[in-house]
N, C-alpha and C. Protein backbone atom coordinates (compact mmCIF):
# COMPACT_ATOMS: atom_id res chain seq x y z
N MET A 1 4.29 71.13 3.27
CA MET A 1 3.33 70.67 2.49
C MET A 1 4.07 69.09 1.86
N VAL A 2 3.55 68.21 1.83
CA VAL A 2 3.44 66.54 1.58
C VAL A 2 3.42 66.45 -0.24
N THR A 3 4.21 66.03 -0.48
CA THR A 3 3.94 66.08 -2.46
C THR A 3 4.40 64.05 -2.38
N TYR A 4 3.42 63.53 -3.11
CA TYR A 4 2.97 62.35 -3.54
C TYR A 4 3.31 62.00 -4.85
N LEU A 5 4.15 61.40 -4.92
CA LEU A 5 4.49 60.83 -6.45
C LEU A 5 3.97 59.50 -7.15
N PRO A 6 3.35 59.32 -8.46
CA PRO A 6 2.72 58.32 -8.55
C PRO A 6 3.30 56.94 -8.52
N SER A 7 2.81 56.05 -8.20
CA SER A 7 3.40 55.08 -8.14
C SER A 7 2.44 53.78 -8.36
N SER A 8 3.03 52.20 -8.66
CA SER A 8 2.01 51.20 -8.78
C SER A 8 2.14 49.88 -8.53
N ALA A 9 1.36 49.22 -8.03
CA ALA A 9 2.44 47.90 -7.21
C ALA A 9 1.27 46.65 -7.91
N GLN A 10 1.62 45.48 -7.71
CA GLN A 10 0.85 44.71 -8.11
C GLN A 10 1.06 43.19 -7.24
N THR A 11 0.14 42.76 -7.00
CA THR A 11 0.12 41.07 -5.92
C THR A 11 -1.45 40.30 -7.00
N SER A 12 -0.29 39.03 -6.58
CA SER A 12 -1.71 38.07 -6.63
C SER A 12 -2.51 37.82 -5.20
N ILE A 13 -3.76 37.52 -5.53
CA ILE A 13 -4.41 36.51 -4.52
C ILE A 13 -4.91 35.46 -4.91
N THR A 14 -4.79 34.42 -4.40
CA THR A 14 -4.68 33.38 -4.69
C THR A 14 -6.87 32.90 -4.08
N ILE A 15 -7.32 32.57 -4.12
CA ILE A 15 -8.60 32.17 -3.75
C ILE A 15 -8.81 30.95 -3.97
N GLU A 16 -8.80 29.69 -3.15
CA GLU A 16 -9.05 28.31 -2.52
C GLU A 16 -10.45 28.36 -2.52
N GLU A 17 -10.96 27.57 -3.09
CA GLU A 17 -12.20 26.94 -2.45
C GLU A 17 -12.46 25.63 -1.99
N LEU A 18 -12.25 25.74 -0.44
CA LEU A 18 -12.56 24.24 0.64
C LEU A 18 -13.47 23.61 -0.16
N GLU A 19 -13.25 22.25 0.21
CA GLU A 19 -13.67 21.27 -0.55
C GLU A 19 -14.24 20.43 1.00
N VAL A 20 -15.68 20.69 0.81
CA VAL A 20 -16.70 19.69 1.66
C VAL A 20 -16.51 18.06 1.53
N SER A 21 -16.15 17.78 2.93
CA SER A 21 -16.55 15.89 2.68
C SER A 21 -17.68 15.65 2.35
N THR A 22 -18.14 14.39 1.56
CA THR A 22 -19.10 13.83 1.68
C THR A 22 -19.16 12.60 2.56
N ASP A 23 -20.56 12.18 2.17
CA ASP A 23 -20.66 10.89 2.47
C ASP A 23 -21.84 10.49 1.99
N LEU A 24 -21.43 8.60 1.02
CA LEU A 24 -22.40 8.29 0.86
C LEU A 24 -22.74 7.05 0.84
N THR A 25 -23.96 6.81 1.46
CA THR A 25 -24.69 5.35 1.50
C THR A 25 -25.36 4.08 0.61
N ILE A 26 -25.20 3.38 0.54
CA ILE A 26 -25.29 1.98 -0.60
C ILE A 26 -26.38 1.02 0.69
N SER A 27 -27.27 0.75 0.26
CA SER A 27 -28.80 -0.28 0.12
C SER A 27 -28.57 -1.00 -0.84
N ALA A 28 -28.62 -2.58 -0.77
CA ALA A 28 -28.60 -3.31 -2.05
C ALA A 28 -29.23 -4.86 -0.98
N PRO A 29 -29.53 -5.75 -2.34
CA PRO A 29 -30.08 -7.34 -1.48
C PRO A 29 -28.98 -7.88 -1.07
N ILE A 30 -28.70 -8.70 -0.17
CA ILE A 30 -27.63 -9.28 -0.28
C ILE A 30 -27.36 -10.66 -1.05
N SER A 31 -28.61 -11.04 -1.70
CA SER A 31 -28.60 -11.81 -2.67
C SER A 31 -29.53 -11.63 -4.11
N ALA A 32 -28.92 -12.04 -5.66
CA ALA A 32 -29.79 -11.87 -6.22
C ALA A 32 -29.72 -13.06 -7.51
N VAL A 33 -30.69 -12.94 -8.47
CA VAL A 33 -30.38 -13.80 -9.43
C VAL A 33 -29.74 -13.41 -10.70
N GLU A 34 -28.85 -14.02 -10.85
CA GLU A 34 -27.95 -13.75 -12.18
C GLU A 34 -28.60 -13.62 -13.38
N GLY A 35 -28.41 -12.07 -13.85
CA GLY A 35 -28.81 -11.76 -15.05
C GLY A 35 -30.39 -10.82 -14.75
N GLU A 36 -31.05 -11.02 -13.60
CA GLU A 36 -32.09 -10.32 -13.08
C GLU A 36 -32.32 -9.39 -12.43
N SER A 37 -32.84 -7.64 -12.92
CA SER A 37 -32.44 -6.58 -12.62
C SER A 37 -33.02 -7.07 -10.93
N PHE A 38 -32.11 -5.75 -9.86
CA PHE A 38 -32.58 -5.59 -8.60
C PHE A 38 -32.12 -4.07 -8.65
N SER A 39 -32.16 -3.24 -7.52
CA SER A 39 -32.40 -2.04 -7.34
C SER A 39 -31.20 -2.06 -6.19
N VAL A 40 -30.37 -0.75 -6.58
CA VAL A 40 -29.66 0.15 -5.45
C VAL A 40 -29.88 1.16 -5.18
N SER A 41 -29.92 1.58 -3.67
CA SER A 41 -29.82 2.86 -3.68
C SER A 41 -29.50 3.28 -2.52
N GLY A 42 -29.47 4.95 -2.22
CA GLY A 42 -28.55 5.53 -1.06
C GLY A 42 -28.86 7.00 -1.01
N ILE A 43 -28.02 7.23 -0.13
CA ILE A 43 -28.34 8.93 0.01
C ILE A 43 -26.68 9.62 -0.31
N LEU A 44 -26.26 10.85 -0.96
CA LEU A 44 -25.01 11.61 -0.65
C LEU A 44 -25.62 12.46 -0.01
N VAL A 45 -25.14 12.88 1.17
CA VAL A 45 -25.02 14.21 2.34
C VAL A 45 -23.53 14.83 2.75
N ARG A 46 -23.53 15.74 2.80
CA ARG A 46 -22.20 16.77 3.25
C ARG A 46 -22.47 16.31 4.49
N VAL A 47 -20.56 15.87 4.86
CA VAL A 47 -20.16 15.51 6.15
C VAL A 47 -20.38 16.45 7.28
N ASP A 48 -20.37 18.22 6.77
CA ASP A 48 -20.02 18.79 7.94
C ASP A 48 -21.33 19.72 8.36
N THR A 49 -23.14 19.22 7.68
CA THR A 49 -24.07 20.04 7.98
C THR A 49 -25.01 18.47 7.95
N GLY A 50 -25.05 17.36 7.02
CA GLY A 50 -25.55 16.25 7.29
C GLY A 50 -26.71 16.93 6.00
N GLU A 51 -26.68 17.95 5.38
CA GLU A 51 -27.45 18.28 4.26
C GLU A 51 -27.42 17.23 3.07
N PRO A 52 -28.52 16.99 2.19
CA PRO A 52 -28.62 15.92 1.36
C PRO A 52 -27.85 17.02 -0.18
N ILE A 53 -27.15 16.27 -1.24
CA ILE A 53 -26.88 16.87 -1.99
C ILE A 53 -27.44 16.81 -3.08
N PRO A 54 -28.07 17.47 -3.84
CA PRO A 54 -28.64 17.00 -5.20
C PRO A 54 -27.72 16.75 -6.30
N ASN A 55 -28.51 16.33 -7.56
CA ASN A 55 -28.21 16.62 -9.00
C ASN A 55 -26.66 16.20 -8.80
N GLN A 56 -26.36 14.91 -8.40
CA GLN A 56 -25.11 14.47 -7.93
C GLN A 56 -24.57 13.03 -8.96
N THR A 57 -24.30 13.14 -9.56
CA THR A 57 -24.02 11.69 -10.71
C THR A 57 -23.73 10.54 -9.76
N ILE A 58 -23.72 9.67 -8.89
CA ILE A 58 -23.25 8.16 -8.75
C ILE A 58 -23.49 7.22 -9.90
N SER A 59 -22.26 6.31 -9.81
CA SER A 59 -22.28 5.39 -10.62
C SER A 59 -21.52 3.75 -9.79
N ILE A 60 -22.62 3.08 -10.14
CA ILE A 60 -22.40 1.49 -9.49
C ILE A 60 -21.45 0.58 -10.02
N THR A 61 -20.36 -0.25 -9.46
CA THR A 61 -19.89 -0.76 -9.87
C THR A 61 -19.93 -2.61 -9.31
N TYR A 62 -19.38 -3.62 -10.19
CA TYR A 62 -19.32 -4.63 -8.88
C TYR A 62 -17.87 -5.20 -9.32
N ASN A 63 -17.25 -5.79 -8.20
CA ASN A 63 -15.91 -5.80 -8.64
C ASN A 63 -14.93 -4.91 -9.30
N GLY A 64 -15.28 -3.97 -9.51
CA GLY A 64 -14.67 -2.71 -10.84
C GLY A 64 -15.34 -2.83 -12.32
N THR A 65 -16.37 -3.77 -12.26
CA THR A 65 -17.17 -3.61 -13.43
C THR A 65 -18.37 -2.46 -13.43
N ALA A 66 -18.21 -1.66 -14.35
CA ALA A 66 -19.45 -0.54 -14.18
C ALA A 66 -20.81 -1.28 -14.57
N VAL A 67 -21.87 -0.58 -13.73
CA VAL A 67 -23.16 -1.65 -14.32
C VAL A 67 -24.28 -0.68 -14.23
N GLY A 68 -23.96 0.58 -14.09
CA GLY A 68 -25.45 1.74 -13.76
C GLY A 68 -24.45 3.29 -13.06
N SER A 69 -25.70 3.74 -13.46
CA SER A 69 -25.09 5.26 -12.50
C SER A 69 -26.45 5.59 -12.24
N GLY A 70 -26.74 7.27 -11.87
CA GLY A 70 -28.28 7.67 -11.62
C GLY A 70 -27.57 9.21 -11.23
N THR A 71 -28.72 9.93 -10.80
CA THR A 71 -28.30 11.23 -10.26
C THR A 71 -29.51 11.15 -9.11
N THR A 72 -28.45 12.22 -8.13
CA THR A 72 -29.36 12.39 -6.48
C THR A 72 -30.67 13.03 -7.02
N GLY A 73 -31.58 12.96 -6.13
CA GLY A 73 -33.03 13.34 -6.33
C GLY A 73 -32.51 14.96 -5.16
N VAL A 74 -33.57 15.89 -4.76
CA VAL A 74 -33.30 16.79 -4.20
C VAL A 74 -33.12 16.40 -2.83
N ASP A 75 -33.48 15.24 -2.04
CA ASP A 75 -33.15 14.56 -0.93
C ASP A 75 -31.85 13.89 -1.10
N GLY A 76 -31.07 14.28 -1.81
CA GLY A 76 -29.63 13.42 -2.06
C GLY A 76 -29.57 11.69 -2.15
N ASP A 77 -30.80 11.17 -2.49
CA ASP A 77 -31.38 9.79 -2.67
C ASP A 77 -31.23 9.44 -4.36
N TYR A 78 -30.72 8.34 -4.54
CA TYR A 78 -30.64 7.56 -5.82
C TYR A 78 -30.84 6.22 -5.70
N LEU A 79 -31.59 6.28 -6.76
CA LEU A 79 -32.03 4.70 -7.04
C LEU A 79 -31.58 4.26 -8.52
N ILE A 80 -30.76 3.45 -8.31
CA ILE A 80 -30.56 2.49 -10.06
C ILE A 80 -30.58 1.28 -9.63
N THR A 81 -31.46 0.90 -11.14
CA THR A 81 -31.69 -0.50 -11.44
C THR A 81 -30.47 -0.97 -12.24
N ILE A 82 -29.80 -2.19 -11.54
CA ILE A 82 -28.81 -3.05 -12.83
C ILE A 82 -29.07 -4.32 -12.37
N SER A 83 -28.17 -4.90 -13.36
CA SER A 83 -27.84 -6.93 -12.98
C SER A 83 -27.17 -6.68 -13.46
N ILE A 84 -26.59 -8.55 -12.47
CA ILE A 84 -25.15 -8.90 -12.81
C ILE A 84 -25.13 -10.12 -13.76
N PRO A 85 -24.81 -10.59 -14.74
CA PRO A 85 -24.88 -11.35 -15.73
C PRO A 85 -23.96 -12.77 -15.11
N ASP A 86 -23.39 -12.99 -13.85
CA ASP A 86 -22.86 -13.94 -13.80
C ASP A 86 -22.59 -14.35 -12.27
N PHE A 87 -23.07 -16.12 -11.84
CA PHE A 87 -23.20 -16.06 -10.36
C PHE A 87 -21.55 -16.12 -9.69
N GLY A 88 -21.65 -15.45 -8.74
CA GLY A 88 -20.57 -15.35 -7.53
C GLY A 88 -20.75 -14.61 -6.69
N THR A 89 -19.99 -14.27 -5.69
CA THR A 89 -19.88 -13.61 -4.69
C THR A 89 -19.46 -12.41 -5.06
N TYR A 90 -20.13 -11.30 -4.97
CA TYR A 90 -19.06 -9.71 -5.26
C TYR A 90 -19.35 -8.80 -4.54
N THR A 91 -18.40 -7.70 -4.53
CA THR A 91 -18.51 -6.16 -3.81
C THR A 91 -19.03 -5.22 -4.52
N LEU A 92 -20.14 -4.59 -4.39
CA LEU A 92 -21.30 -3.27 -5.36
C LEU A 92 -20.51 -2.27 -4.85
N THR A 93 -19.85 -1.14 -4.99
CA THR A 93 -19.39 0.33 -5.03
C THR A 93 -20.06 1.06 -5.73
N ALA A 94 -20.72 2.11 -4.28
CA ALA A 94 -21.22 3.11 -5.36
C ALA A 94 -20.68 4.30 -5.04
N GLU A 95 -20.28 5.24 -6.59
CA GLU A 95 -19.40 6.19 -6.50
C GLU A 95 -19.80 7.65 -6.69
N PHE A 96 -19.17 8.27 -6.00
CA PHE A 96 -19.02 10.09 -6.36
C PHE A 96 -18.09 10.15 -6.44
N ALA A 97 -17.75 10.70 -7.65
CA ALA A 97 -16.38 11.22 -8.03
C ALA A 97 -16.00 12.56 -7.58
N GLY A 98 -16.49 12.95 -6.77
CA GLY A 98 -16.40 15.04 -6.64
C GLY A 98 -16.72 15.64 -7.76
N VAL A 99 -16.86 16.74 -7.28
CA VAL A 99 -17.19 17.73 -7.78
C VAL A 99 -16.30 19.09 -7.26
N SER A 100 -16.19 20.25 -7.92
CA SER A 100 -15.18 21.06 -7.41
C SER A 100 -16.42 21.85 -6.11
N GLY A 101 -15.69 21.52 -5.17
CA GLY A 101 -16.32 22.09 -3.78
C GLY A 101 -16.71 20.47 -2.52
N LEU A 102 -16.63 19.82 -3.32
CA LEU A 102 -17.35 18.72 -3.34
C LEU A 102 -16.16 17.89 -2.92
N ARG A 103 -15.73 16.74 -2.04
CA ARG A 103 -14.80 15.83 -2.14
C ARG A 103 -15.82 14.35 -2.79
N ALA A 104 -14.90 13.30 -3.25
CA ALA A 104 -15.34 12.07 -3.28
C ALA A 104 -15.43 11.36 -2.09
N SER A 105 -16.64 10.29 -2.67
CA SER A 105 -16.63 9.43 -1.77
C SER A 105 -17.57 7.91 -2.05
N GLU A 106 -17.31 7.33 -1.55
CA GLU A 106 -17.66 6.18 -2.01
C GLU A 106 -18.34 4.86 -0.76
N ALA A 107 -19.05 4.34 -1.13
CA ALA A 107 -19.63 3.05 -0.36
C ALA A 107 -19.87 1.80 -0.25
N ARG A 108 -19.52 0.28 0.30
CA ARG A 108 -19.44 -0.55 -0.37
C ARG A 108 -20.66 -1.53 -0.05
N SER A 109 -20.97 -2.58 -0.55
CA SER A 109 -21.94 -3.91 -0.02
C SER A 109 -21.59 -5.04 -0.61
N GLY A 110 -21.75 -6.47 0.10
CA GLY A 110 -21.30 -7.26 -0.73
C GLY A 110 -23.02 -8.09 -0.95
N ILE A 111 -22.68 -8.65 -2.34
CA ILE A 111 -24.20 -9.45 -2.81
C ILE A 111 -23.39 -10.80 -3.66
N SER A 112 -24.35 -11.91 -2.87
CA SER A 112 -24.43 -13.16 -3.61
C SER A 112 -24.86 -13.14 -4.98
N VAL A 113 -24.42 -13.37 -6.29
CA VAL A 113 -25.55 -14.20 -7.29
C VAL A 113 -25.62 -15.87 -7.44
N GLY A 114 -26.97 -15.90 -7.60
CA GLY A 114 -26.96 -17.37 -7.82
C GLY A 114 -27.48 -17.35 -9.15
N PHE A 115 -28.28 -18.80 -9.41
CA PHE A 115 -28.74 -19.41 -10.63
C PHE A 115 -30.15 -18.58 -10.12
N ILE A 116 -30.88 -19.11 -9.28
CA ILE A 116 -32.45 -19.22 -8.68
C ILE A 116 -31.77 -18.01 -7.32
N GLU A 117 -33.36 -17.50 -7.06
CA GLU A 117 -33.37 -17.44 -5.69
C GLU A 117 -34.35 -18.23 -5.02
N MET A 118 -33.95 -18.72 -3.91
CA MET A 118 -35.18 -19.40 -3.35
C MET A 118 -36.11 -18.50 -2.11
N PRO A 119 -36.91 -18.90 -2.40
CA PRO A 119 -38.22 -17.89 -1.24
C PRO A 119 -37.89 -18.48 -0.18
N ASN A 120 -38.33 -17.78 0.74
CA ASN A 120 -37.84 -18.49 2.48
C ASN A 120 -38.89 -19.55 2.74
N TRP A 121 -40.02 -19.49 2.25
CA TRP A 121 -40.74 -21.13 2.72
C TRP A 121 -40.32 -22.14 1.87
N LEU A 122 -39.47 -21.90 1.03
CA LEU A 122 -39.55 -23.41 0.36
C LEU A 122 -37.63 -23.58 1.27
N ASN A 123 -37.05 -22.80 1.52
CA ASN A 123 -36.14 -23.32 2.46
C ASN A 123 -36.40 -24.46 3.59
N ILE A 124 -37.53 -23.79 4.33
CA ILE A 124 -37.63 -24.48 5.13
C ILE A 124 -38.58 -25.90 4.72
N LEU A 125 -39.23 -25.64 3.72
CA LEU A 125 -39.82 -27.12 3.00
C LEU A 125 -39.05 -28.02 2.61
N VAL A 126 -38.07 -27.63 1.78
CA VAL A 126 -36.66 -28.67 1.22
C VAL A 126 -36.58 -29.47 2.32
N PRO A 127 -36.06 -29.65 3.44
CA PRO A 127 -36.04 -30.56 4.67
C PRO A 127 -37.09 -31.44 4.40
N LEU A 128 -37.97 -30.94 5.15
CA LEU A 128 -39.18 -31.53 4.82
C LEU A 128 -39.38 -32.71 3.72
N ILE A 129 -39.01 -32.15 2.82
CA ILE A 129 -39.28 -33.14 1.44
C ILE A 129 -38.20 -34.18 1.33
N VAL A 130 -37.29 -34.12 1.50
CA VAL A 130 -35.86 -34.54 1.37
C VAL A 130 -35.68 -35.67 2.64
N GLY A 131 -36.34 -35.32 3.31
CA GLY A 131 -36.38 -36.23 5.08
C GLY A 131 -37.27 -37.33 4.41
N THR A 132 -36.91 -38.59 5.28
CA THR A 132 -37.76 -39.82 5.27
C THR A 132 -38.84 -40.01 6.56
N ALA A 133 -39.84 -40.42 6.35
CA ALA A 133 -40.67 -40.77 7.31
C ALA A 133 -41.01 -42.01 7.35
N VAL A 134 -40.94 -42.68 8.06
CA VAL A 134 -42.38 -44.36 8.19
C VAL A 134 -42.90 -43.80 9.16
N TYR A 135 -44.89 -44.09 8.51
CA TYR A 135 -45.79 -43.35 9.45
C TYR A 135 -46.39 -45.16 9.69
N LYS A 136 -46.82 -45.77 10.23
CA LYS A 136 -47.52 -46.72 10.40
C LYS A 136 -49.19 -46.33 10.64
N LEU A 137 -50.01 -47.26 9.53
CA LEU A 137 -51.45 -46.81 9.48
C LEU A 137 -52.08 -48.41 9.40
N GLY A 138 -53.33 -47.68 10.55
CA GLY A 138 -53.84 -48.96 10.67
C GLY A 138 -53.43 -49.39 11.76
N GLY A 139 -54.34 -50.58 12.24
CA GLY A 139 -54.45 -50.82 14.19
C GLY A 139 -53.27 -52.59 13.63
N GLY A 140 -52.25 -52.20 13.09
CA GLY A 140 -51.51 -54.07 12.99
C GLY A 140 -50.20 -53.54 13.18
């Protein structure tokens, strides 16, 4: 007959949640007028499956200055309206800071901010107005 004596043992188990890489896109105009609003948009997805990631905060900065934030929708998309107060050339950055289980990601886009934005037809018309033309009218 075998006799078992009481005993006890303890051990610790650490369960680590794997972090999934994310991919963030940004879409913004290449030019804007200083102080006037424009939209920045994009999508946040999981890299491993390509599935959209909803309900996450996206922050927008230009050259490191915060200008807006928003939340991704059910399709992982965001649309944030911002403005830049000073003329110049800037780098817009969309940033997802990451949360438990999801790694941070960011995307960048360049933008030129000017005093006024010229419509495309005006860019064609200006050289015609500025140029000099001499026409001979009549028969002499």
